[in-house]
Amino acid sequence: MRISKRAEYALRALALLASRDPGSPIQIQELAETGGIPLKFLEQILLVLRRADLLVSKRGLGGGYRLSRSASKITLAEVIQLMDGPWTPLEIARSADGPGVRGLDETLRELDARIREFLQAQTIATLLERELPVQFEI
């Protein structure tokens, strides 16, 4: 499975927004620079995220973007589907029948279901938690 650059940038932008104080919006220029995301591309992404009610924007002095809900309520599956469209199921080419074809097809269907399940369980907050250093108990 591969996600698009658009979905990757959307996830990175949401993680950046989630890592900041929820009460203070971030301007698009800062998001672009900090996230290493091309500004024109980011403008399109933020528009889609705002229309999907994942972001709130405010114009003018002190304006910018912020999350519309908690980072723990925004799943990776939701964002990827929003950016890349409906899931394309994993499947094999139907060019031949024979030993292993049906088994491979069933295996790929199961893998597809597990990937979806995993991405639905992961949130923007999960991404940030993975950034924290591992603490050792003594």
Foldseek 3Di string as FASTA:
>chain_A
DDFDPLLVLLLLLQLVQQVDDQVQADALVCSCVVSVHPSVSVVVSVVLCVVVQQWDWDDDDSTHIHGNDHQQPAFSLNSRCSRPNDDDQDADDPPDDDPPRVVVRVVSNVVRVVVSVVRRNHTSVNVVVVVDDDDDDD
